[in-house]
Amino acid sequence: MTGIVSKRLEDELRDGPEVSPELDRLMRNAREASDFLKAVSHENRLLLLCLLAERERSVTELENILSLRQPTVSQQLARLRLDDLVSTRRDGKTVYYSLADEDVRRLISVIYDIFCGAKED
């Protein structure tokens, strides 16, 4: 099995306590990953992201699919928007939500494959 961190970083960690540029980058990326995982760790937010991975949807449509009240859906969408995981498009009075980028779609796809895909027994 290959290592997750680079050989160079492993060597730098072994050589001394000072923070290398590569370790500093790894730490910043870990913070970003942690923030992302916190955002998707809520059941309703994860469900919203799964539904948006299929296609763009309105708030009303999401409310109906999940049988949740509008304030609940809007609150969770606001959090996802704050974390730059979803984007919006307005058409008259209707606001449509979609995934913000392909990275979000890829992660939701992996989560779906692990937890919802066909499992061999």
PDB file of N, CA and C in Angstrom:
ATOM      1  N   MET A   1       0.851  -1.182   0.000  1.00  0.00           N
ATOM      2  CA  MET A   1       0.000   0.000   0.000  1.00  0.00           C
ATOM      3  C   MET A   1       0.892   1.238   0.000  1.00  0.00           C
ATOM      4  N   THR A   2       0.579   2.202  -0.838  1.00  0.00           N
ATOM      5  CA  THR A   2       1.374   3.422  -0.899  1.00  0.00           C
ATOM      6  C   THR A   2       0.961   4.361   0.214  1.00  0.00           C
ATOM      7  N   GLY A   3       1.916   5.190   0.649  1.00  0.00           N
ATOM      8  CA  GLY A   3       1.653   6.150   1.706  1.00  0.00           C
ATOM      9  C   GLY A   3       0.799   7.301   1.217  1.00  0.00           C
ATOM     10  N   ILE A   4       0.159   7.981   2.140  1.00  0.00           N
ATOM     11  CA  ILE A   4      -0.676   9.121   1.794  1.00  0.00           C
ATOM     12  C   ILE A   4       0.174  10.378   1.672  1.00  0.00           C
ATOM     13  N   VAL A   5       1.077  10.586   2.623  1.00  0.00           N
ATOM     14  CA  VAL A   5       1.958  11.752   2.551  1.00  0.00           C
ATOM     15  C   VAL A   5       3.195  11.408   1.744  1.00  0.00           C
ATOM     16  N   SER A   6       3.798  12.434   1.164  1.00  0.00           N
ATOM     17  CA  SER A   6       4.949  12.212   0.297  1.00  0.00           C
ATOM     18  C   SER A   6       6.164  11.754   1.102  1.00  0.00           C
ATOM     19  N   LYS A   7       7.062  11.074   0.426  1.00  0.00           N
ATOM     20  CA  LYS A   7       8.329  10.631   1.039  1.00  0.00           C
ATOM     21  C   LYS A   7       9.097  11.844   1.551  1.00  0.00           C
ATOM     22  N   ARG A   8       9.094  12.916   0.752  1.00  0.00           N
ATOM     23  CA  ARG A   8       9.814  14.139   1.152  1.00  0.00           C
ATOM     24  C   ARG A   8       9.287  14.689   2.470  1.00  0.00           C
ATOM     25  N   LEU A   9       7.967  14.713   2.630  1.00  0.00           N
ATOM     26  CA  LEU A   9       7.382  15.208   3.869  1.00  0.00           C
ATOM     27  C   LEU A   9       7.738  14.288   5.030  1.00  0.00           C
ATOM     28  N   GLU A  10       7.669  13.005   4.813  1.00  0.00           N
ATOM     29  CA  GLU A  10       8.067  12.062   5.872  1.00  0.00           C
ATOM     30  C   GLU A  10       9.506  12.317   6.305  1.00  0.00           C
ATOM     31  N   ASP A  11      10.419  12.538   5.349  1.00  0.00           N
ATOM     32  CA  ASP A  11      11.819  12.818   5.663  1.00  0.00           C
ATOM     33  C   ASP A  11      11.954  14.117   6.451  1.00  0.00           C
ATOM     34  N   GLU A  12      11.209  15.154   6.043  1.00  0.00           N
ATOM     35  CA  GLU A  12      11.273  16.436   6.748  1.00  0.00           C
ATOM     36  C   GLU A  12      10.767  16.300   8.180  1.00  0.00           C
ATOM     37  N   LEU A  13       9.727  15.528   8.390  1.00  0.00           N
ATOM     38  CA  LEU A  13       9.201  15.326   9.740  1.00  0.00           C
ATOM     39  C   LEU A  13      10.195  14.579  10.617  1.00  0.00           C
ATOM     40  N   ARG A  14      10.899  13.647  10.020  1.00  0.00           N
ATOM     41  CA  ARG A  14      11.893  12.868  10.752  1.00  0.00           C
ATOM     42  C   ARG A  14      13.119  13.711  11.095  1.00  0.00           C
ATOM     43  N   ASP A  15      13.445  14.688  10.217  1.00  0.00           N
ATOM     44  CA  ASP A  15      14.678  15.463  10.367  1.00  0.00           C
ATOM     45  C   ASP A  15      14.615  16.566  11.411  1.00  0.00           C
ATOM     46  N   GLY A  16      13.450  17.058  11.755  1.00  0.00           N
ATOM     47  CA  GLY A  16      13.440  18.122  12.749  1.00  0.00           C
ATOM     48  C   GLY A  16      12.068  18.673  13.035  1.00  0.00           C
ATOM     49  N   PRO A  17      11.966  19.488  14.106  1.00  0.00           N
ATOM     50  CA  PRO A  17      10.679  19.990  14.547  1.00  0.00           C
ATOM     51  C   PRO A  17      10.174  21.206  13.764  1.00  0.00           C
ATOM     52  N   GLU A  18      11.029  21.878  12.963  1.00  0.00           N
ATOM     53  CA  GLU A  18      10.563  23.072  12.265  1.00  0.00           C
ATOM     54  C   GLU A  18       9.543  22.700  11.188  1.00  0.00           C
ATOM     55  N   VAL A  19       8.654  23.644  10.917  1.00  0.00           N
ATOM     56  CA  VAL A  19       7.582  23.395   9.965  1.00  0.00           C
ATOM     57  C   VAL A  19       8.093  23.692   8.558  1.00  0.00           C
ATOM     58  N   SER A  20       8.026  22.710   7.713  1.00  0.00           N
ATOM     59  CA  SER A  20       8.463  22.869   6.329  1.00  0.00           C
ATOM     60  C   SER A  20       7.340  23.468   5.505  1.00  0.00           C
ATOM     61  N   PRO A  21       7.641  24.005   4.342  1.00  0.00           N
ATOM     62  CA  PRO A  21       6.570  24.513   3.466  1.00  0.00           C
ATOM     63  C   PRO A  21       5.572  23.413   3.087  1.00  0.00           C
ATOM     64  N   GLU A  22       6.057  22.205   2.872  1.00  0.00           N
ATOM     65  CA  GLU A  22       5.151  21.114   2.496  1.00  0.00           C
ATOM     66  C   GLU A  22       4.238  20.739   3.665  1.00  0.00           C
ATOM     67  N   LEU A  23       4.793  20.732   4.888  1.00  0.00           N
ATOM     68  CA  LEU A  23       3.958  20.440   6.054  1.00  0.00           C
ATOM     69  C   LEU A  23       2.948  21.560   6.269  1.00  0.00           C
ATOM     70  N   ASP A  24       3.375  22.794   6.072  1.00  0.00           N
ATOM     71  CA  ASP A  24       2.472  23.927   6.213  1.00  0.00           C
ATOM     72  C   ASP A  24       1.319  23.810   5.223  1.00  0.00           C
ATOM     73  N   ARG A  25       1.599  23.426   3.986  1.00  0.00           N
ATOM     74  CA  ARG A  25       0.568  23.231   2.966  1.00  0.00           C
ATOM     75  C   ARG A  25      -0.367  22.098   3.373  1.00  0.00           C
ATOM     76  N   LEU A  26       0.212  21.005   3.886  1.00  0.00           N
ATOM     77  CA  LEU A  26      -0.599  19.871   4.330  1.00  0.00           C
ATOM     78  C   LEU A  26      -1.540  20.289   5.462  1.00  0.00           C
ATOM     79  N   MET A  27      -1.051  21.106   6.374  1.00  0.00           N
ATOM     80  CA  MET A  27      -1.878  21.568   7.493  1.00  0.00           C
ATOM     81  C   MET A  27      -3.028  22.456   7.004  1.00  0.00           C
ATOM     82  N   ARG A  28      -2.757  23.349   6.049  1.00  0.00           N
ATOM     83  CA  ARG A  28      -3.823  24.195   5.491  1.00  0.00           C
ATOM     84  C   ARG A  28      -4.861  23.337   4.772  1.00  0.00           C
ATOM     85  N   ASN A  29      -4.390  22.375   4.009  1.00  0.00           N
ATOM     86  CA  ASN A  29      -5.307  21.481   3.292  1.00  0.00           C
ATOM     87  C   ASN A  29      -6.124  20.634   4.255  1.00  0.00           C
ATOM     88  N   ALA A  30      -5.519  20.233   5.370  1.00  0.00           N
ATOM     89  CA  ALA A  30      -6.252  19.452   6.378  1.00  0.00           C
ATOM     90  C   ALA A  30      -7.377  20.288   6.982  1.00  0.00           C
ATOM     91  N   ARG A  31      -7.130  21.575   7.186  1.00  0.00           N
ATOM     92  CA  ARG A  31      -8.173  22.466   7.723  1.00  0.00           C
ATOM     93  C   ARG A  31      -9.324  22.568   6.718  1.00  0.00           C
ATOM     94  N   GLU A  32      -8.978  22.739   5.444  1.00  0.00           N
ATOM     95  CA  GLU A  32     -10.002  22.829   4.402  1.00  0.00           C
ATOM     96  C   GLU A  32     -10.809  21.534   4.317  1.00  0.00           C
ATOM     97  N   ALA A  33     -10.140  20.406   4.379  1.00  0.00           N
ATOM     98  CA  ALA A  33     -10.825  19.108   4.335  1.00  0.00           C
ATOM     99  C   ALA A  33     -11.719  18.939   5.561  1.00  0.00           C
ATOM    100  N   SER A  34     -11.225  19.348   6.723  1.00  0.00           N
ATOM    101  CA  SER A  34     -11.999  19.243   7.951  1.00  0.00           C
ATOM    102  C   SER A  34     -13.275  20.090   7.869  1.00  0.00           C
ATOM    103  N   ASP A  35     -13.145  21.311   7.361  1.00  0.00           N
ATOM    104  CA  ASP A  35     -14.314  22.180   7.203  1.00  0.00           C
ATOM    105  C   ASP A  35     -15.327  21.557   6.240  1.00  0.00           C
ATOM    106  N   PHE A  36     -14.835  20.984   5.163  1.00  0.00           N
ATOM    107  CA  PHE A  36     -15.702  20.323   4.192  1.00  0.00           C
ATOM    108  C   PHE A  36     -16.443  19.157   4.838  1.00  0.00           C
ATOM    109  N   LEU A  37     -15.701  18.328   5.572  1.00  0.00           N
ATOM    110  CA  LEU A  37     -16.317  17.157   6.206  1.00  0.00           C
ATOM    111  C   LEU A  37     -17.330  17.555   7.273  1.00  0.00           C
ATOM    112  N   LYS A  38     -17.078  18.653   7.993  1.00  0.00           N
ATOM    113  CA  LYS A  38     -18.053  19.147   8.967  1.00  0.00           C
ATOM    114  C   LYS A  38     -19.338  19.557   8.262  1.00  0.00           C
ATOM    115  N   ALA A  39     -19.193  20.205   7.116  1.00  0.00           N
ATOM    116  CA  ALA A  39     -20.375  20.670   6.376  1.00  0.00           C
ATOM    117  C   ALA A  39     -21.226  19.504   5.902  1.00  0.00           C
ATOM    118  N   VAL A  40     -20.596  18.414   5.464  1.00  0.00           N
ATOM    119  CA  VAL A  40     -21.376  17.285   4.940  1.00  0.00           C
ATOM    120  C   VAL A  40     -21.727  16.267   6.016  1.00  0.00           C
ATOM    121  N   SER A  41     -21.298  16.504   7.248  1.00  0.00           N
ATOM    122  CA  SER A  41     -21.542  15.519   8.301  1.00  0.00           C
ATOM    123  C   SER A  41     -22.964  15.563   8.855  1.00  0.00           C
ATOM    124  N   HIS A  42     -23.737  16.557   8.494  1.00  0.00           N
ATOM    125  CA  HIS A  42     -25.129  16.651   8.937  1.00  0.00           C
ATOM    126  C   HIS A  42     -26.011  15.877   7.966  1.00  0.00           C
ATOM    127  N   GLU A  43     -26.875  15.035   8.493  1.00  0.00           N
ATOM    128  CA  GLU A  43     -27.700  14.144   7.673  1.00  0.00           C
ATOM    129  C   GLU A  43     -28.501  14.887   6.598  1.00  0.00           C
ATOM    130  N   ASN A  44     -29.182  15.978   6.983  1.00  0.00           N
ATOM    131  CA  ASN A  44     -29.991  16.702   6.006  1.00  0.00           C
ATOM    132  C   ASN A  44     -29.134  17.379   4.945  1.00  0.00           C
ATOM    133  N   ARG A  45     -27.992  17.928   5.346  1.00  0.00           N
ATOM    134  CA  ARG A  45     -27.115  18.551   4.350  1.00  0.00           C
ATOM    135  C   ARG A  45     -26.592  17.504   3.376  1.00  0.00           C
ATOM    136  N   LEU A  46     -26.255  16.336   3.879  1.00  0.00           N
ATOM    137  CA  LEU A  46     -25.766  15.268   3.011  1.00  0.00           C
ATOM    138  C   LEU A  46     -26.858  14.825   2.031  1.00  0.00           C
ATOM    139  N   LEU A  47     -28.082  14.702   2.526  1.00  0.00           N
ATOM    140  CA  LEU A  47     -29.204  14.361   1.643  1.00  0.00           C
ATOM    141  C   LEU A  47     -29.408  15.425   0.568  1.00  0.00           C
ATOM    142  N   LEU A  48     -29.323  16.683   0.962  1.00  0.00           N
ATOM    143  CA  LEU A  48     -29.468  17.767  -0.012  1.00  0.00           C
ATOM    144  C   LEU A  48     -28.387  17.676  -1.087  1.00  0.00           C
ATOM    145  N   LEU A  49     -27.160  17.428  -0.676  1.00  0.00           N
ATOM    146  CA  LEU A  49     -26.067  17.319  -1.646  1.00  0.00           C
ATOM    147  C   LEU A  49     -26.269  16.129  -2.582  1.00  0.00           C
ATOM    148  N   CYS A  50     -26.754  15.022  -2.041  1.00  0.00           N
ATOM    149  CA  CYS A  50     -27.031  13.851  -2.888  1.00  0.00           C
ATOM    150  C   CYS A  50     -28.094  14.179  -3.931  1.00  0.00           C
ATOM    151  N   LEU A  51     -29.149  14.861  -3.525  1.00  0.00           N
ATOM    152  CA  LEU A  51     -30.207  15.229  -4.463  1.00  0.00           C
ATOM    153  C   LEU A  51     -29.712  16.224  -5.509  1.00  0.00           C
ATOM    154  N   LEU A  52     -28.860  17.148  -5.074  1.00  0.00           N
ATOM    155  CA  LEU A  52     -28.328  18.132  -6.013  1.00  0.00           C
ATOM    156  C   LEU A  52     -27.277  17.534  -6.941  1.00  0.00           C
ATOM    157  N   ALA A  53     -26.707  16.398  -6.549  1.00  0.00           N
ATOM    158  CA  ALA A  53     -25.751  15.721  -7.428  1.00  0.00           C
ATOM    159  C   ALA A  53     -26.457  15.180  -8.668  1.00  0.00           C
ATOM    160  N   GLU A  54     -27.748  14.899  -8.539  1.00  0.00           N
ATOM    161  CA  GLU A  54     -28.532  14.415  -9.677  1.00  0.00           C
ATOM    162  C   GLU A  54     -28.826  15.532 -10.659  1.00  0.00           C
ATOM    163  N   ARG A  55     -29.258  16.704 -10.109  1.00  0.00           N
ATOM    164  CA  ARG A  55     -29.594  17.851 -10.961  1.00  0.00           C
ATOM    165  C   ARG A  55     -29.926  19.056 -10.091  1.00  0.00           C
ATOM    166  N   GLU A  56     -30.020  20.189 -10.734  1.00  0.00           N
ATOM    167  CA  GLU A  56     -30.423  21.429 -10.082  1.00  0.00           C
ATOM    168  C   GLU A  56     -31.855  21.290  -9.575  1.00  0.00           C
ATOM    169  N   ARG A  57     -32.119  21.858  -8.384  1.00  0.00           N
ATOM    170  CA  ARG A  57     -33.461  21.747  -7.806  1.00  0.00           C
ATOM    171  C   ARG A  57     -33.830  23.044  -7.085  1.00  0.00           C
ATOM    172  N   SER A  58     -35.135  23.299  -7.015  1.00  0.00           N
ATOM    173  CA  SER A  58     -35.637  24.463  -6.274  1.00  0.00           C
ATOM    174  C   SER A  58     -35.784  24.098  -4.797  1.00  0.00           C
ATOM    175  N   VAL A  59     -35.883  25.120  -3.974  1.00  0.00           N
ATOM    176  CA  VAL A  59     -36.094  24.894  -2.544  1.00  0.00           C
ATOM    177  C   VAL A  59     -37.400  24.132  -2.324  1.00  0.00           C
ATOM    178  N   THR A  60     -38.450  24.517  -3.022  1.00  0.00           N
ATOM    179  CA  THR A  60     -39.747  23.851  -2.872  1.00  0.00           C
ATOM    180  C   THR A  60     -39.643  22.369  -3.227  1.00  0.00           C
ATOM    181  N   GLU A  61     -38.940  22.077  -4.302  1.00  0.00           N
ATOM    182  CA  GLU A  61     -38.773  20.681  -4.709  1.00  0.00           C
ATOM    183  C   GLU A  61     -38.017  19.899  -3.629  1.00  0.00           C
ATOM    184  N   LEU A  62     -36.983  20.490  -3.076  1.00  0.00           N
ATOM    185  CA  LEU A  62     -36.215  19.823  -2.017  1.00  0.00           C
ATOM    186  C   LEU A  62     -37.072  19.606  -0.769  1.00  0.00           C
ATOM    187  N   GLU A  63     -37.879  20.602  -0.408  1.00  0.00           N
ATOM    188  CA  GLU A  63     -38.802  20.465   0.729  1.00  0.00           C
ATOM    189  C   GLU A  63     -39.725  19.265   0.530  1.00  0.00           C
ATOM    190  N   ASN A  64     -40.306  19.175  -0.650  1.00  0.00           N
ATOM    191  CA  ASN A  64     -41.264  18.101  -0.942  1.00  0.00           C
ATOM    192  C   ASN A  64     -40.603  16.728  -0.935  1.00  0.00           C
ATOM    193  N   ILE A  65     -39.446  16.613  -1.526  1.00  0.00           N
ATOM    194  CA  ILE A  65     -38.757  15.320  -1.578  1.00  0.00           C
ATOM    195  C   ILE A  65     -38.394  14.840  -0.176  1.00  0.00           C
ATOM    196  N   LEU A  66     -37.878  15.748   0.650  1.00  0.00           N
ATOM    197  CA  LEU A  66     -37.396  15.369   1.980  1.00  0.00           C
ATOM    198  C   LEU A  66     -38.460  15.465   3.063  1.00  0.00           C
ATOM    199  N   SER A  67     -39.638  15.984   2.723  1.00  0.00           N
ATOM    200  CA  SER A  67     -40.715  16.195   3.702  1.00  0.00           C
ATOM    201  C   SER A  67     -40.222  17.014   4.886  1.00  0.00           C
ATOM    202  N   LEU A  68     -39.486  18.072   4.566  1.00  0.00           N
ATOM    203  CA  LEU A  68     -38.984  18.989   5.591  1.00  0.00           C
ATOM    204  C   LEU A  68     -39.634  20.349   5.383  1.00  0.00           C
ATOM    205  N   ARG A  69     -39.695  21.123   6.462  1.00  0.00           N
ATOM    206  CA  ARG A  69     -40.245  22.466   6.385  1.00  0.00           C
ATOM    207  C   ARG A  69     -39.255  23.404   5.705  1.00  0.00           C
ATOM    208  N   GLN A  70     -39.805  24.451   5.088  1.00  0.00           N
ATOM    209  CA  GLN A  70     -38.982  25.401   4.337  1.00  0.00           C
ATOM    210  C   GLN A  70     -37.866  26.019   5.182  1.00  0.00           C
ATOM    211  N   PRO A  71     -38.111  26.437   6.433  1.00  0.00           N
ATOM    212  CA  PRO A  71     -37.009  27.014   7.210  1.00  0.00           C
ATOM    213  C   PRO A  71     -35.851  26.036   7.428  1.00  0.00           C
ATOM    214  N   THR A  72     -36.171  24.776   7.619  1.00  0.00           N
ATOM    215  CA  THR A  72     -35.130  23.761   7.823  1.00  0.00           C
ATOM    216  C   THR A  72     -34.291  23.600   6.569  1.00  0.00           C
ATOM    217  N   VAL A  73     -34.947  23.467   5.421  1.00  0.00           N
ATOM    218  CA  VAL A  73     -34.228  23.310   4.156  1.00  0.00           C
ATOM    219  C   VAL A  73     -33.391  24.547   3.870  1.00  0.00           C
ATOM    220  N   SER A  74     -33.984  25.722   4.046  1.00  0.00           N
ATOM    221  CA  SER A  74     -33.268  26.968   3.771  1.00  0.00           C
ATOM    222  C   SER A  74     -32.056  27.142   4.680  1.00  0.00           C
ATOM    223  N   GLN A  75     -32.196  26.764   5.947  1.00  0.00           N
ATOM    224  CA  GLN A  75     -31.076  26.875   6.887  1.00  0.00           C
ATOM    225  C   GLN A  75     -29.919  25.975   6.453  1.00  0.00           C
ATOM    226  N   GLN A  76     -30.224  24.757   6.060  1.00  0.00           N
ATOM    227  CA  GLN A  76     -29.166  23.834   5.651  1.00  0.00           C
ATOM    228  C   GLN A  76     -28.535  24.265   4.323  1.00  0.00           C
ATOM    229  N   LEU A  77     -29.344  24.753   3.398  1.00  0.00           N
ATOM    230  CA  LEU A  77     -28.809  25.258   2.136  1.00  0.00           C
ATOM    231  C   LEU A  77     -27.932  26.487   2.360  1.00  0.00           C
ATOM    232  N   ALA A  78     -28.318  27.324   3.316  1.00  0.00           N
ATOM    233  CA  ALA A  78     -27.501  28.503   3.632  1.00  0.00           C
ATOM    234  C   ALA A  78     -26.126  28.082   4.148  1.00  0.00           C
ATOM    235  N   ARG A  79     -26.100  27.062   4.979  1.00  0.00           N
ATOM    236  CA  ARG A  79     -24.809  26.557   5.476  1.00  0.00           C
ATOM    237  C   ARG A  79     -23.958  26.013   4.324  1.00  0.00           C
ATOM    238  N   LEU A  80     -24.577  25.253   3.437  1.00  0.00           N
ATOM    239  CA  LEU A  80     -23.850  24.706   2.287  1.00  0.00           C
ATOM    240  C   LEU A  80     -23.363  25.820   1.364  1.00  0.00           C
ATOM    241  N   ARG A  81     -24.147  26.847   1.239  1.00  0.00           N
ATOM    242  CA  ARG A  81     -23.753  28.002   0.422  1.00  0.00           C
ATOM    243  C   ARG A  81     -22.591  28.749   1.068  1.00  0.00           C
ATOM    244  N   LEU A  82     -22.657  28.916   2.372  1.00  0.00           N
ATOM    245  CA  LEU A  82     -21.579  29.575   3.117  1.00  0.00           C
ATOM    246  C   LEU A  82     -20.264  28.825   2.949  1.00  0.00           C
ATOM    247  N   ASP A  83     -20.340  27.512   2.888  1.00  0.00           N
ATOM    248  CA  ASP A  83     -19.152  26.673   2.721  1.00  0.00           C
ATOM    249  C   ASP A  83     -18.781  26.465   1.248  1.00  0.00           C
ATOM    250  N   ASP A  84     -19.453  27.198   0.358  1.00  0.00           N
ATOM    251  CA  ASP A  84     -19.170  27.136  -1.085  1.00  0.00           C
ATOM    252  C   ASP A  84     -19.358  25.739  -1.677  1.00  0.00           C
ATOM    253  N   LEU A  85     -20.307  24.986  -1.150  1.00  0.00           N
ATOM    254  CA  LEU A  85     -20.590  23.655  -1.673  1.00  0.00           C
ATOM    255  C   LEU A  85     -21.738  23.659  -2.672  1.00  0.00           C
ATOM    256  N   VAL A  86     -22.590  24.693  -2.596  1.00  0.00           N
ATOM    257  CA  VAL A  86     -23.682  24.829  -3.554  1.00  0.00           C
ATOM    258  C   VAL A  86     -23.681  26.241  -4.132  1.00  0.00           C
ATOM    259  N   SER A  87     -24.266  26.351  -5.306  1.00  0.00           N
ATOM    260  CA  SER A  87     -24.441  27.666  -5.923  1.00  0.00           C
ATOM    261  C   SER A  87     -25.919  27.840  -6.249  1.00  0.00           C
ATOM    262  N   THR A  88     -26.304  29.080  -6.516  1.00  0.00           N
ATOM    263  CA  THR A  88     -27.718  29.373  -6.757  1.00  0.00           C
ATOM    264  C   THR A  88     -27.919  30.060  -8.097  1.00  0.00           C
ATOM    265  N   ARG A  89     -29.150  29.932  -8.560  1.00  0.00           N
ATOM    266  CA  ARG A  89     -29.599  30.618  -9.752  1.00  0.00           C
ATOM    267  C   ARG A  89     -31.036  31.030  -9.496  1.00  0.00           C
ATOM    268  N   ARG A  90     -31.341  32.287  -9.779  1.00  0.00           N
ATOM    269  CA  ARG A  90     -32.702  32.779  -9.549  1.00  0.00           C
ATOM    270  C   ARG A  90     -33.437  32.878 -10.883  1.00  0.00           C
ATOM    271  N   ASP A  91     -34.684  32.408 -10.858  1.00  0.00           N
ATOM    272  CA  ASP A  91     -35.561  32.537 -12.018  1.00  0.00           C
ATOM    273  C   ASP A  91     -36.874  33.106 -11.491  1.00  0.00           C
ATOM    274  N   GLY A  92     -37.062  34.406 -11.614  1.00  0.00           N
ATOM    275  CA  GLY A  92     -38.217  35.071 -11.012  1.00  0.00           C
ATOM    276  C   GLY A  92     -38.109  34.995  -9.506  1.00  0.00           C
ATOM    277  N   LYS A  93     -39.125  34.421  -8.863  1.00  0.00           N
ATOM    278  CA  LYS A  93     -39.106  34.279  -7.405  1.00  0.00           C
ATOM    279  C   LYS A  93     -38.514  32.954  -6.953  1.00  0.00           C
ATOM    280  N   THR A  94     -38.232  32.076  -7.909  1.00  0.00           N
ATOM    281  CA  THR A  94     -37.729  30.745  -7.564  1.00  0.00           C
ATOM    282  C   THR A  94     -36.209  30.737  -7.549  1.00  0.00           C
ATOM    283  N   VAL A  95     -35.641  30.167  -6.470  1.00  0.00           N
ATOM    284  CA  VAL A  95     -34.193  30.010  -6.363  1.00  0.00           C
ATOM    285  C   VAL A  95     -33.865  28.539  -6.591  1.00  0.00           C
ATOM    286  N   TYR A  96     -32.961  28.291  -7.500  1.00  0.00           N
ATOM    287  CA  TYR A  96     -32.513  26.942  -7.811  1.00  0.00           C
ATOM    288  C   TYR A  96     -31.117  26.733  -7.251  1.00  0.00           C
ATOM    289  N   TYR A  97     -30.899  25.558  -6.695  1.00  0.00           N
ATOM    290  CA  TYR A  97     -29.602  25.201  -6.132  1.00  0.00           C
ATOM    291  C   TYR A  97     -28.964  24.095  -6.959  1.00  0.00           C
ATOM    292  N   SER A  98     -27.646  24.143  -7.028  1.00  0.00           N
ATOM    293  CA  SER A  98     -26.878  23.088  -7.688  1.00  0.00           C
ATOM    294  C   SER A  98     -25.547  22.958  -6.957  1.00  0.00           C
ATOM    295  N   LEU A  99     -24.839  21.868  -7.229  1.00  0.00           N
ATOM    296  CA  LEU A  99     -23.521  21.699  -6.616  1.00  0.00           C
ATOM    297  C   LEU A  99     -22.578  22.761  -7.170  1.00  0.00           C
ATOM    298  N   ALA A 100     -21.697  23.239  -6.317  1.00  0.00           N
ATOM    299  CA  ALA A 100     -20.825  24.352  -6.688  1.00  0.00           C
ATOM    300  C   ALA A 100     -19.763  23.969  -7.707  1.00  0.00           C
ATOM    301  N   ASP A 101     -19.246  22.756  -7.613  1.00  0.00           N
ATOM    302  CA  ASP A 101     -18.198  22.369  -8.550  1.00  0.00           C
ATOM    303  C   ASP A 101     -18.058  20.851  -8.624  1.00  0.00           C
ATOM    304  N   GLU A 102     -17.180  20.432  -9.506  1.00  0.00           N
ATOM    305  CA  GLU A 102     -17.003  19.005  -9.763  1.00  0.00           C
ATOM    306  C   GLU A 102     -16.383  18.276  -8.565  1.00  0.00           C
ATOM    307  N   ASP A 103     -15.567  18.949  -7.754  1.00  0.00           N
ATOM    308  CA  ASP A 103     -14.976  18.307  -6.575  1.00  0.00           C
ATOM    309  C   ASP A 103     -16.061  17.864  -5.594  1.00  0.00           C
ATOM    310  N   VAL A 104     -17.070  18.701  -5.401  1.00  0.00           N
ATOM    311  CA  VAL A 104     -18.184  18.338  -4.510  1.00  0.00           C
ATOM    312  C   VAL A 104     -18.908  17.127  -5.087  1.00  0.00           C
ATOM    313  N   ARG A 105     -19.160  17.150  -6.385  1.00  0.00           N
ATOM    314  CA  ARG A 105     -19.847  16.027  -7.038  1.00  0.00           C
ATOM    315  C   ARG A 105     -19.041  14.739  -6.885  1.00  0.00           C
ATOM    316  N   ARG A 106     -17.726  14.809  -7.039  1.00  0.00           N
ATOM    317  CA  ARG A 106     -16.880  13.621  -6.923  1.00  0.00           C
ATOM    318  C   ARG A 106     -16.947  13.045  -5.510  1.00  0.00           C
ATOM    319  N   LEU A 107     -16.881  13.909  -4.489  1.00  0.00           N
ATOM    320  CA  LEU A 107     -16.922  13.405  -3.117  1.00  0.00           C
ATOM    321  C   LEU A 107     -18.282  12.797  -2.792  1.00  0.00           C
ATOM    322  N   ILE A 108     -19.347  13.448  -3.210  1.00  0.00           N
ATOM    323  CA  ILE A 108     -20.688  12.907  -2.960  1.00  0.00           C
ATOM    324  C   ILE A 108     -20.824  11.563  -3.668  1.00  0.00           C
ATOM    325  N   SER A 109     -20.265  11.448  -4.841  1.00  0.00           N
ATOM    326  CA  SER A 109     -20.301  10.184  -5.578  1.00  0.00           C
ATOM    327  C   SER A 109     -19.581   9.077  -4.814  1.00  0.00           C
ATOM    328  N   VAL A 110     -18.424   9.393  -4.241  1.00  0.00           N
ATOM    329  CA  VAL A 110     -17.669   8.398  -3.466  1.00  0.00           C
ATOM    330  C   VAL A 110     -18.454   7.996  -2.215  1.00  0.00           C
ATOM    331  N   ILE A 111     -19.016   8.975  -1.515  1.00  0.00           N
ATOM    332  CA  ILE A 111     -19.815   8.675  -0.322  1.00  0.00           C
ATOM    333  C   ILE A 111     -21.002   7.794  -0.707  1.00  0.00           C
ATOM    334  N   TYR A 112     -21.650   8.135  -1.808  1.00  0.00           N
ATOM    335  CA  TYR A 112     -22.792   7.334  -2.269  1.00  0.00           C
ATOM    336  C   TYR A 112     -22.351   5.900  -2.576  1.00  0.00           C
ATOM    337  N   ASP A 113     -21.250   5.759  -3.305  1.00  0.00           N
ATOM    338  CA  ASP A 113     -20.758   4.417  -3.650  1.00  0.00           C
ATOM    339  C   ASP A 113     -20.453   3.584  -2.403  1.00  0.00           C
ATOM    340  N   ILE A 114     -19.852   4.204  -1.403  1.00  0.00           N
ATOM    341  CA  ILE A 114     -19.488   3.479  -0.180  1.00  0.00           C
ATOM    342  C   ILE A 114     -20.730   3.084   0.627  1.00  0.00           C
ATOM    343  N   PHE A 115     -21.667   4.013   0.813  1.00  0.00           N
ATOM    344  CA  PHE A 115     -22.767   3.766   1.727  1.00  0.00           C
ATOM    345  C   PHE A 115     -24.079   3.345   1.069  1.00  0.00           C
ATOM    346  N   CYS A 116     -24.243   3.642  -0.231  1.00  0.00           N
ATOM    347  CA  CYS A 116     -25.522   3.349  -0.870  1.00  0.00           C
ATOM    348  C   CYS A 116     -25.392   2.415  -2.059  1.00  0.00           C
ATOM    349  N   GLY A 117     -24.175   2.161  -2.507  1.00  0.00           N
ATOM    350  CA  GLY A 117     -23.972   1.290  -3.652  1.00  0.00           C
ATOM    351  C   GLY A 117     -24.257  -0.155  -3.297  1.00  0.00           C
ATOM    352  N   ALA A 118     -24.292  -0.957  -4.328  1.00  0.00           N
ATOM    353  CA  ALA A 118     -24.529  -2.396  -4.119  1.00  0.00           C
ATOM    354  C   ALA A 118     -23.384  -2.992  -3.325  1.00  0.00           C
ATOM    355  N   LYS A 119     -23.720  -3.720  -2.288  1.00  0.00           N
ATOM    356  CA  LYS A 119     -22.714  -4.372  -1.450  1.00  0.00           C
ATOM    357  C   LYS A 119     -22.774  -5.854  -1.652  1.00  0.00           C
ATOM    358  N   GLU A 120     -21.616  -6.460  -1.688  1.00  0.00           N
ATOM    359  CA  GLU A 120     -21.557  -7.919  -1.781  1.00  0.00           C
ATOM    360  C   GLU A 120     -21.667  -8.501  -0.378  1.00  0.00           C
ATOM    361  N   ASP A 121     -22.513  -9.499  -0.232  1.00  0.00           N
ATOM    362  CA  ASP A 121     -22.684 -10.130   1.081  1.00  0.00           C
ATOM    363  C   ASP A 121     -21.884 -11.396   1.201  1.00  0.00           C
TER     364      ASP A 121
END
